[in-house]
PDB file of N, CA and C in Angstrom:
ATOM      1  N   MET A   1       0.775  -1.189  -0.031  1.00  0.00           N
ATOM      2  CA  MET A   1      -0.116  -0.129   0.175  1.00  0.00           C
ATOM      3  C   MET A   1       0.923   1.226   0.025  1.00  0.00           C
ATOM      4  N   GLN A   2       0.504   2.278  -0.707  1.00  0.00           N
ATOM      5  CA  GLN A   2       1.051   3.166  -0.700  1.00  0.00           C
ATOM      6  C   GLN A   2       1.109   4.390   0.542  1.00  0.00           C
ATOM      7  N   ARG A   3       2.018   5.079   0.609  1.00  0.00           N
ATOM      8  CA  ARG A   3       2.363   5.863   1.722  1.00  0.00           C
ATOM      9  C   ARG A   3       1.674   7.381   1.569  1.00  0.00           C
ATOM     10  N   ILE A   4       0.783   7.336   2.581  1.00  0.00           N
ATOM     11  CA  ILE A   4       0.052   8.516   2.396  1.00  0.00           C
ATOM     12  C   ILE A   4       0.585   9.765   3.382  1.00  0.00           C
ATOM     13  N   GLY A   5       0.822  10.759   2.754  1.00  0.00           N
ATOM     14  CA  GLY A   5       1.499  12.170   3.053  1.00  0.00           C
ATOM     15  C   GLY A   5       2.752  12.386   3.079  1.00  0.00           C
ATOM     16  N   GLY A   6       3.021  13.680   3.358  1.00  0.00           N
ATOM     17  CA  GLY A   6       4.606  13.859   3.388  1.00  0.00           C
ATOM     18  C   GLY A   6       5.606  14.028   4.453  1.00  0.00           C
ATOM     19  N   PHE A   7       6.618  14.727   4.046  1.00  0.00           N
ATOM     20  CA  PHE A   7       7.448  14.865   5.504  1.00  0.00           C
ATOM     21  C   PHE A   7       6.893  16.122   6.415  1.00  0.00           C
ATOM     22  N   ARG A   8       6.235  17.066   5.878  1.00  0.00           N
ATOM     23  CA  ARG A   8       5.675  18.271   6.537  1.00  0.00           C
ATOM     24  C   ARG A   8       3.911  17.761   6.763  1.00  0.00           C
ATOM     25  N   ARG A   9       3.460  16.686   6.872  1.00  0.00           N
ATOM     26  CA  ARG A   9       2.126  16.268   7.132  1.00  0.00           C
ATOM     27  C   ARG A   9       1.626  16.396   8.412  1.00  0.00           C
ATOM     28  N   LYS A  10       0.630  16.833   8.866  1.00  0.00           N
ATOM     29  CA  LYS A  10       0.132  17.207  10.516  1.00  0.00           C
ATOM     30  C   LYS A  10       0.925  18.216  10.967  1.00  0.00           C
ATOM     31  N   THR A  11       1.701  18.924  10.281  1.00  0.00           N
ATOM     32  CA  THR A  11       2.482  20.113  11.315  1.00  0.00           C
ATOM     33  C   THR A  11       1.900  21.491  11.029  1.00  0.00           C
ATOM     34  N   ARG A  12       0.760  21.916  10.658  1.00  0.00           N
ATOM     35  CA  ARG A  12       0.059  22.867  10.311  1.00  0.00           C
ATOM     36  C   ARG A  12       0.591  24.213  11.664  1.00  0.00           C
ATOM     37  N   HIS A  13       0.259  23.666  12.813  1.00  0.00           N
ATOM     38  CA  HIS A  13       0.469  24.550  14.046  1.00  0.00           C
ATOM     39  C   HIS A  13       2.034  24.409  14.516  1.00  0.00           C
ATOM     40  N   LYS A  14       2.498  23.246  14.460  1.00  0.00           N
ATOM     41  CA  LYS A  14       3.711  22.777  15.054  1.00  0.00           C
ATOM     42  C   LYS A  14       5.086  23.897  14.301  1.00  0.00           C
ATOM     43  N   LEU A  15       4.828  24.146  13.297  1.00  0.00           N
ATOM     44  CA  LEU A  15       6.002  24.741  12.506  1.00  0.00           C
ATOM     45  C   LEU A  15       5.383  26.105  12.017  1.00  0.00           C
ATOM     46  N   ARG A  16       4.423  26.464  12.710  1.00  0.00           N
ATOM     47  CA  ARG A  16       4.049  27.886  12.323  1.00  0.00           C
ATOM     48  C   ARG A  16       4.907  28.914  13.187  1.00  0.00           C
ATOM     49  N   LYS A  17       5.046  29.978  12.414  1.00  0.00           N
ATOM     50  CA  LYS A  17       5.980  31.023  13.031  1.00  0.00           C
ATOM     51  C   LYS A  17       5.384  32.112  13.902  1.00  0.00           C
ATOM     52  N   ASN A  18       5.647  32.655  14.692  1.00  0.00           N
ATOM     53  CA  ASN A  18       5.217  33.707  15.631  1.00  0.00           C
ATOM     54  C   ASN A  18       4.997  35.071  14.635  1.00  0.00           C
ATOM     55  N   ILE A  19       4.246  35.635  15.331  1.00  0.00           N
ATOM     56  CA  ILE A  19       3.655  36.973  14.363  1.00  0.00           C
ATOM     57  C   ILE A  19       4.715  37.913  14.050  1.00  0.00           C
ATOM     58  N   HIS A  20       5.900  37.782  15.097  1.00  0.00           N
ATOM     59  CA  HIS A  20       7.011  38.957  15.220  1.00  0.00           C
ATOM     60  C   HIS A  20       8.275  38.157  14.266  1.00  0.00           C
ATOM     61  N   GLU A  21       8.101  36.726  13.910  1.00  0.00           N
ATOM     62  CA  GLU A  21       9.097  36.390  13.348  1.00  0.00           C
ATOM     63  C   GLU A  21       8.980  36.114  11.649  1.00  0.00           C
ATOM     64  N   ARG A  22       7.764  36.725  11.131  1.00  0.00           N
ATOM     65  CA  ARG A  22       7.480  36.361   9.897  1.00  0.00           C
ATOM     66  C   ARG A  22       8.231  37.580   9.229  1.00  0.00           C
ATOM     67  N   GLY A  23       8.186  37.009   7.706  1.00  0.00           N
ATOM     68  CA  GLY A  23       8.887  37.750   6.719  1.00  0.00           C
ATOM     69  C   GLY A  23      10.384  37.189   6.568  1.00  0.00           C
ATOM     70  N   LYS A  24      11.274  38.181   6.040  1.00  0.00           N
ATOM     71  CA  LYS A  24      12.413  37.843   5.370  1.00  0.00           C
ATOM     72  C   LYS A  24      13.168  36.876   6.590  1.00  0.00           C
ATOM     73  N   ILE A  25      14.014  35.985   6.098  1.00  0.00           N
ATOM     74  CA  ILE A  25      14.846  35.018   6.754  1.00  0.00           C
ATOM     75  C   ILE A  25      16.117  35.636   7.529  1.00  0.00           C
ATOM     76  N   SER A  26      16.773  35.790   8.706  1.00  0.00           N
ATOM     77  CA  SER A  26      17.646  36.676   9.240  1.00  0.00           C
ATOM     78  C   SER A  26      19.164  35.990   8.653  1.00  0.00           C
ATOM     79  N   ILE A  27      19.859  36.976   8.190  1.00  0.00           N
ATOM     80  CA  ILE A  27      21.253  36.268   7.625  1.00  0.00           C
ATOM     81  C   ILE A  27      22.023  35.999   9.061  1.00  0.00           C
ATOM     82  N   LYS A  28      21.766  36.705  10.027  1.00  0.00           N
ATOM     83  CA  LYS A  28      22.484  36.435  11.370  1.00  0.00           C
ATOM     84  C   LYS A  28      22.131  34.839  12.005  1.00  0.00           C
ATOM     85  N   LYS A  29      20.918  34.331  11.571  1.00  0.00           N
ATOM     86  CA  LYS A  29      20.679  32.830  11.971  1.00  0.00           C
ATOM     87  C   LYS A  29      21.447  31.949  11.250  1.00  0.00           C
ATOM     88  N   PHE A  30      21.047  32.655   9.700  1.00  0.00           N
ATOM     89  CA  PHE A  30      21.868  31.604   8.530  1.00  0.00           C
ATOM     90  C   PHE A  30      22.981  31.333   8.875  1.00  0.00           C
ATOM     91  N   LEU A  31      24.071  32.576   9.411  1.00  0.00           N
ATOM     92  CA  LEU A  31      25.367  32.128   9.449  1.00  0.00           C
ATOM     93  C   LEU A  31      26.021  31.918  10.657  1.00  0.00           C
ATOM     94  N   GLN A  32      24.929  31.822  11.907  1.00  0.00           N
ATOM     95  CA  GLN A  32      25.693  31.288  13.005  1.00  0.00           C
ATOM     96  C   GLN A  32      26.383  30.036  12.938  1.00  0.00           C
ATOM     97  N   LYS A  33      27.666  29.965  14.085  1.00  0.00           N
ATOM     98  CA  LYS A  33      28.347  29.122  14.128  1.00  0.00           C
ATOM     99  C   LYS A  33      28.297  28.680  15.321  1.00  0.00           C
ATOM    100  N   PHE A  34      28.666  27.061  15.653  1.00  0.00           N
ATOM    101  CA  PHE A  34      28.195  26.466  16.575  1.00  0.00           C
ATOM    102  C   PHE A  34      29.460  25.738  16.895  1.00  0.00           C
ATOM    103  N   ASP A  35      30.081  25.427  18.383  1.00  0.00           N
ATOM    104  CA  ASP A  35      31.442  24.820  18.500  1.00  0.00           C
ATOM    105  C   ASP A  35      30.768  23.247  18.794  1.00  0.00           C
ATOM    106  N   GLN A  36      31.881  22.022  18.694  1.00  0.00           N
ATOM    107  CA  GLN A  36      31.364  20.936  19.201  1.00  0.00           C
ATOM    108  C   GLN A  36      31.051  21.129  20.587  1.00  0.00           C
ATOM    109  N   GLY A  37      30.289  20.468  21.165  1.00  0.00           N
ATOM    110  CA  GLY A  37      29.778  20.307  22.543  1.00  0.00           C
ATOM    111  C   GLY A  37      28.691  21.356  22.978  1.00  0.00           C
ATOM    112  N   THR A  38      28.453  22.262  22.255  1.00  0.00           N
ATOM    113  CA  THR A  38      27.270  23.483  22.427  1.00  0.00           C
ATOM    114  C   THR A  38      26.013  22.959  22.450  1.00  0.00           C
ATOM    115  N   ARG A  39      25.061  23.267  23.583  1.00  0.00           N
ATOM    116  CA  ARG A  39      24.051  22.717  23.680  1.00  0.00           C
ATOM    117  C   ARG A  39      22.770  23.855  22.966  1.00  0.00           C
ATOM    118  N   VAL A  40      22.067  23.129  22.131  1.00  0.00           N
ATOM    119  CA  VAL A  40      21.257  23.501  21.227  1.00  0.00           C
ATOM    120  C   VAL A  40      19.807  23.341  21.478  1.00  0.00           C
ATOM    121  N   TYR A  41      18.740  24.186  21.209  1.00  0.00           N
ATOM    122  CA  TYR A  41      17.501  23.466  20.735  1.00  0.00           C
ATOM    123  C   TYR A  41      17.089  23.562  19.340  1.00  0.00           C
ATOM    124  N   LEU A  42      16.447  22.591  19.065  1.00  0.00           N
ATOM    125  CA  LEU A  42      15.912  22.721  17.519  1.00  0.00           C
ATOM    126  C   LEU A  42      14.547  23.318  17.667  1.00  0.00           C
ATOM    127  N   LYS A  43      14.479  24.074  16.772  1.00  0.00           N
ATOM    128  CA  LYS A  43      13.469  25.347  16.648  1.00  0.00           C
ATOM    129  C   LYS A  43      13.510  25.384  14.996  1.00  0.00           C
ATOM    130  N   ALA A  44      12.551  24.760  14.049  1.00  0.00           N
ATOM    131  CA  ALA A  44      12.562  24.925  13.063  1.00  0.00           C
ATOM    132  C   ALA A  44      12.070  26.144  12.082  1.00  0.00           C
ATOM    133  N   ASP A  45      12.600  26.587  11.419  1.00  0.00           N
ATOM    134  CA  ASP A  45      12.160  27.557  10.724  1.00  0.00           C
ATOM    135  C   ASP A  45      11.618  27.365   9.445  1.00  0.00           C
ATOM    136  N   SER A  46      10.141  27.579   9.417  1.00  0.00           N
ATOM    137  CA  SER A  46       9.429  26.808   8.236  1.00  0.00           C
ATOM    138  C   SER A  46       9.677  27.691   6.959  1.00  0.00           C
ATOM    139  N   GLY A  47      10.357  28.628   6.815  1.00  0.00           N
ATOM    140  CA  GLY A  47      10.534  29.444   5.738  1.00  0.00           C
ATOM    141  C   GLY A  47      11.598  28.847   4.960  1.00  0.00           C
ATOM    142  N   TYR A  48      12.263  28.027   5.512  1.00  0.00           N
ATOM    143  CA  TYR A  48      13.713  27.273   4.931  1.00  0.00           C
ATOM    144  C   TYR A  48      13.705  26.092   5.170  1.00  0.00           C
ATOM    145  N   GLN A  49      13.590  25.240   3.742  1.00  0.00           N
ATOM    146  CA  GLN A  49      13.076  23.389   4.107  1.00  0.00           C
ATOM    147  C   GLN A  49      14.321  22.726   4.166  1.00  0.00           C
ATOM    148  N   LYS A  50      15.466  23.316   3.732  1.00  0.00           N
ATOM    149  CA  LYS A  50      16.680  22.682   3.494  1.00  0.00           C
ATOM    150  C   LYS A  50      17.359  22.281   4.792  1.00  0.00           C
ATOM    151  N   GLY A  51      17.773  21.559   5.134  1.00  0.00           N
ATOM    152  CA  GLY A  51      18.506  20.913   6.514  1.00  0.00           C
ATOM    153  C   GLY A  51      17.634  21.028   7.465  1.00  0.00           C
ATOM    154  N   MET A  52      16.109  20.706   7.005  1.00  0.00           N
ATOM    155  CA  MET A  52      15.131  20.530   8.379  1.00  0.00           C
ATOM    156  C   MET A  52      15.077  19.049   8.906  1.00  0.00           C
ATOM    157  N   TYR A  53      14.924  18.995  10.065  1.00  0.00           N
ATOM    158  CA  TYR A  53      14.978  17.582  10.551  1.00  0.00           C
ATOM    159  C   TYR A  53      13.227  17.329  10.807  1.00  0.00           C
ATOM    160  N   PHE A  54      13.121  16.082  10.874  1.00  0.00           N
ATOM    161  CA  PHE A  54      11.702  15.571  11.015  1.00  0.00           C
ATOM    162  C   PHE A  54      11.117  16.286  12.239  1.00  0.00           C
ATOM    163  N   PRO A  55       9.755  16.738  11.849  1.00  0.00           N
ATOM    164  CA  PRO A  55       9.170  17.466  12.822  1.00  0.00           C
ATOM    165  C   PRO A  55       8.692  16.629  13.880  1.00  0.00           C
ATOM    166  N   ARG A  56       8.812  15.438  14.193  1.00  0.00           N
ATOM    167  CA  ARG A  56       8.605  14.692  15.546  1.00  0.00           C
ATOM    168  C   ARG A  56       9.856  15.351  16.626  1.00  0.00           C
ATOM    169  N   TYR A  57      10.824  15.854  16.267  1.00  0.00           N
ATOM    170  CA  TYR A  57      12.118  16.260  17.270  1.00  0.00           C
ATOM    171  C   TYR A  57      11.895  17.835  17.372  1.00  0.00           C
ATOM    172  N   HIS A  58      11.071  18.583  17.196  1.00  0.00           N
ATOM    173  CA  HIS A  58      10.657  20.044  16.723  1.00  0.00           C
ATOM    174  C   HIS A  58      10.526  20.058  18.730  1.00  0.00           C
ATOM    175  N   GLY A  59      11.456  20.973  19.098  1.00  0.00           N
ATOM    176  CA  GLY A  59      11.766  21.862  20.591  1.00  0.00           C
ATOM    177  C   GLY A  59      12.500  20.806  21.435  1.00  0.00           C
ATOM    178  N   LYS A  60      12.972  19.639  21.066  1.00  0.00           N
ATOM    179  CA  LYS A  60      13.965  19.014  21.659  1.00  0.00           C
ATOM    180  C   LYS A  60      15.561  19.812  21.882  1.00  0.00           C
ATOM    181  N   ALA A  61      15.964  19.224  22.819  1.00  0.00           N
ATOM    182  CA  ALA A  61      17.488  19.818  22.949  1.00  0.00           C
ATOM    183  C   ALA A  61      18.475  19.230  22.707  1.00  0.00           C
ATOM    184  N   GLY A  62      19.670  19.531  22.403  1.00  0.00           N
ATOM    185  CA  GLY A  62      20.590  18.552  21.920  1.00  0.00           C
ATOM    186  C   GLY A  62      21.986  18.806  22.106  1.00  0.00           C
ATOM    187  N   ILE A  63      22.920  18.203  21.521  1.00  0.00           N
ATOM    188  CA  ILE A  63      24.423  18.714  21.595  1.00  0.00           C
ATOM    189  C   ILE A  63      25.178  18.779  20.249  1.00  0.00           C
ATOM    190  N   VAL A  64      25.531  19.631  19.845  1.00  0.00           N
ATOM    191  CA  VAL A  64      26.649  19.599  18.577  1.00  0.00           C
ATOM    192  C   VAL A  64      27.650  18.623  18.771  1.00  0.00           C
ATOM    193  N   THR A  65      27.735  17.734  17.777  1.00  0.00           N
ATOM    194  CA  THR A  65      28.749  16.685  17.687  1.00  0.00           C
ATOM    195  C   THR A  65      29.685  16.801  16.801  1.00  0.00           C
ATOM    196  N   GLY A  66      29.453  17.532  15.542  1.00  0.00           N
ATOM    197  CA  GLY A  66      30.089  17.562  14.422  1.00  0.00           C
ATOM    198  C   GLY A  66      29.322  18.636  13.653  1.00  0.00           C
ATOM    199  N   LYS A  67      30.141  18.707  12.317  1.00  0.00           N
ATOM    200  CA  LYS A  67      30.013  19.462  10.978  1.00  0.00           C
ATOM    201  C   LYS A  67      29.969  18.769  10.138  1.00  0.00           C
ATOM    202  N   GLN A  68      29.126  19.138   8.940  1.00  0.00           N
ATOM    203  CA  GLN A  68      29.288  18.555   7.492  1.00  0.00           C
ATOM    204  C   GLN A  68      28.922  19.616   6.657  1.00  0.00           C
ATOM    205  N   GLY A  69      29.453  20.198   5.972  1.00  0.00           N
ATOM    206  CA  GLY A  69      29.624  21.169   5.380  1.00  0.00           C
ATOM    207  C   GLY A  69      28.918  22.479   5.897  1.00  0.00           C
ATOM    208  N   SER A  70      27.810  22.893   5.611  1.00  0.00           N
ATOM    209  CA  SER A  70      27.331  24.481   6.296  1.00  0.00           C
ATOM    210  C   SER A  70      26.203  23.623   7.666  1.00  0.00           C
ATOM    211  N   CYS A  71      26.141  22.260   7.607  1.00  0.00           N
ATOM    212  CA  CYS A  71      25.219  21.633   8.619  1.00  0.00           C
ATOM    213  C   CYS A  71      25.707  21.292   9.940  1.00  0.00           C
ATOM    214  N   TYR A  72      25.254  20.958  10.892  1.00  0.00           N
ATOM    215  CA  TYR A  72      25.881  20.374  12.212  1.00  0.00           C
ATOM    216  C   TYR A  72      24.960  19.038  12.445  1.00  0.00           C
ATOM    217  N   TYR A  73      25.721  18.330  13.278  1.00  0.00           N
ATOM    218  CA  TYR A  73      25.349  17.115  13.661  1.00  0.00           C
ATOM    219  C   TYR A  73      24.671  17.060  15.226  1.00  0.00           C
ATOM    220  N   VAL A  74      23.535  16.976  15.322  1.00  0.00           N
ATOM    221  CA  VAL A  74      23.049  17.213  16.776  1.00  0.00           C
ATOM    222  C   VAL A  74      22.771  15.910  17.163  1.00  0.00           C
ATOM    223  N   LYS A  75      23.403  15.749  18.393  1.00  0.00           N
ATOM    224  CA  LYS A  75      23.100  14.503  19.280  1.00  0.00           C
ATOM    225  C   LYS A  75      21.836  14.689  20.200  1.00  0.00           C
ATOM    226  N   ILE A  76      20.793  13.917  19.995  1.00  0.00           N
ATOM    227  CA  ILE A  76      19.496  14.271  20.966  1.00  0.00           C
ATOM    228  C   ILE A  76      19.218  12.740  21.524  1.00  0.00           C
ATOM    229  N   LYS A  77      18.135  12.790  22.455  1.00  0.00           N
ATOM    230  CA  LYS A  77      17.639  11.545  23.083  1.00  0.00           C
ATOM    231  C   LYS A  77      16.161  11.563  22.798  1.00  0.00           C
ATOM    232  N   ASP A  78      15.714  10.225  22.014  1.00  0.00           N
ATOM    233  CA  ASP A  78      14.452  10.333  21.789  1.00  0.00           C
ATOM    234  C   ASP A  78      14.188   8.851  22.371  1.00  0.00           C
ATOM    235  N   GLN A  79      12.903   9.044  23.473  1.00  0.00           N
ATOM    236  CA  GLN A  79      12.682   8.011  24.201  1.00  0.00           C
ATOM    237  C   GLN A  79      13.907   7.545  24.926  1.00  0.00           C
ATOM    238  N   ASN A  80      14.412   6.399  24.706  1.00  0.00           N
ATOM    239  CA  ASN A  80      15.617   5.713  25.436  1.00  0.00           C
ATOM    240  C   ASN A  80      16.688   5.464  24.537  1.00  0.00           C
ATOM    241  N   LYS A  81      16.438   6.014  23.108  1.00  0.00           N
ATOM    242  CA  LYS A  81      17.696   5.964  22.578  1.00  0.00           C
ATOM    243  C   LYS A  81      18.150   7.401  22.194  1.00  0.00           C
ATOM    244  N   HIS A  82      19.485   7.516  21.674  1.00  0.00           N
ATOM    245  CA  HIS A  82      20.092   8.605  21.178  1.00  0.00           C
ATOM    246  C   HIS A  82      20.100   8.401  19.694  1.00  0.00           C
ATOM    247  N   LYS A  83      20.185   9.468  19.150  1.00  0.00           N
ATOM    248  CA  LYS A  83      19.820   9.760  17.756  1.00  0.00           C
ATOM    249  C   LYS A  83      20.751  10.967  17.086  1.00  0.00           C
ATOM    250  N   ILE A  84      21.248  10.890  16.042  1.00  0.00           N
ATOM    251  CA  ILE A  84      22.086  11.860  15.415  1.00  0.00           C
ATOM    252  C   ILE A  84      21.365  12.202  14.188  1.00  0.00           C
ATOM    253  N   LEU A  85      21.230  13.731  14.206  1.00  0.00           N
ATOM    254  CA  LEU A  85      19.980  14.478  13.213  1.00  0.00           C
ATOM    255  C   LEU A  85      21.460  15.293  12.654  1.00  0.00           C
ATOM    256  N   LEU A  86      21.215  15.496  11.252  1.00  0.00           N
ATOM    257  CA  LEU A  86      21.848  16.406  10.324  1.00  0.00           C
ATOM    258  C   LEU A  86      20.766  18.009  10.255  1.00  0.00           C
ATOM    259  N   VAL A  87      21.313  18.696  10.917  1.00  0.00           N
ATOM    260  CA  VAL A  87      20.353  20.138  10.942  1.00  0.00           C
ATOM    261  C   VAL A  87      21.385  21.384  10.057  1.00  0.00           C
ATOM    262  N   HIS A  88      20.646  22.080   9.429  1.00  0.00           N
ATOM    263  CA  HIS A  88      21.211  23.441   9.150  1.00  0.00           C
ATOM    264  C   HIS A  88      21.281  24.359  10.068  1.00  0.00           C
ATOM    265  N   PRO A  89      22.136  25.227  10.409  1.00  0.00           N
ATOM    266  CA  PRO A  89      22.140  26.391  11.414  1.00  0.00           C
ATOM    267  C   PRO A  89      20.937  26.936  11.989  1.00  0.00           C
ATOM    268  N   ILE A  90      19.944  27.071  10.656  1.00  0.00           N
ATOM    269  CA  ILE A  90      18.930  28.139  10.765  1.00  0.00           C
ATOM    270  C   ILE A  90      17.906  27.704  11.734  1.00  0.00           C
ATOM    271  N   HIS A  91      17.886  26.369  11.818  1.00  0.00           N
ATOM    272  CA  HIS A  91      16.859  25.570  12.543  1.00  0.00           C
ATOM    273  C   HIS A  91      17.326  25.392  14.212  1.00  0.00           C
ATOM    274  N   LEU A  92      18.590  25.780  14.497  1.00  0.00           N
ATOM    275  CA  LEU A  92      19.044  25.754  15.656  1.00  0.00           C
ATOM    276  C   LEU A  92      19.146  27.198  16.524  1.00  0.00           C
ATOM    277  N   LYS A  93      18.909  26.831  17.709  1.00  0.00           N
ATOM    278  CA  LYS A  93      18.584  27.915  18.998  1.00  0.00           C
ATOM    279  C   LYS A  93      19.834  27.847  19.714  1.00  0.00           C
ATOM    280  N   ARG A  94      20.669  28.543  20.292  1.00  0.00           N
ATOM    281  CA  ARG A  94      21.378  27.981  21.289  1.00  0.00           C
ATOM    282  C   ARG A  94      20.732  28.148  22.746  1.00  0.00           C
ATOM    283  N   ALA A  95      21.037  27.310  23.333  1.00  0.00           N
ATOM    284  CA  ALA A  95      20.455  26.878  24.713  1.00  0.00           C
ATOM    285  C   ALA A  95      21.181  27.867  25.980  1.00  0.00           C
TER     286      ALA A  95
END
């Protein structure tokens, strides 16, 4: 049977921006740098889809473990498992 729905299915409210965050994407958020071991929050910017993590992890905290290109590896805990996500810096917020 064929899979129904895509990556952003049922995320109308979860990925919605605040009224004060709407408009152009901030270049400051786009170019922010993180060192290895930095604690970050996953906060998706719905205006930029590249490098976005799966919406299930929205709002979780993690630790930056490495870098690949312009994106960062973030280690999070999901239930009892540790997972590593590849996330663009525009979707990360310093803790």
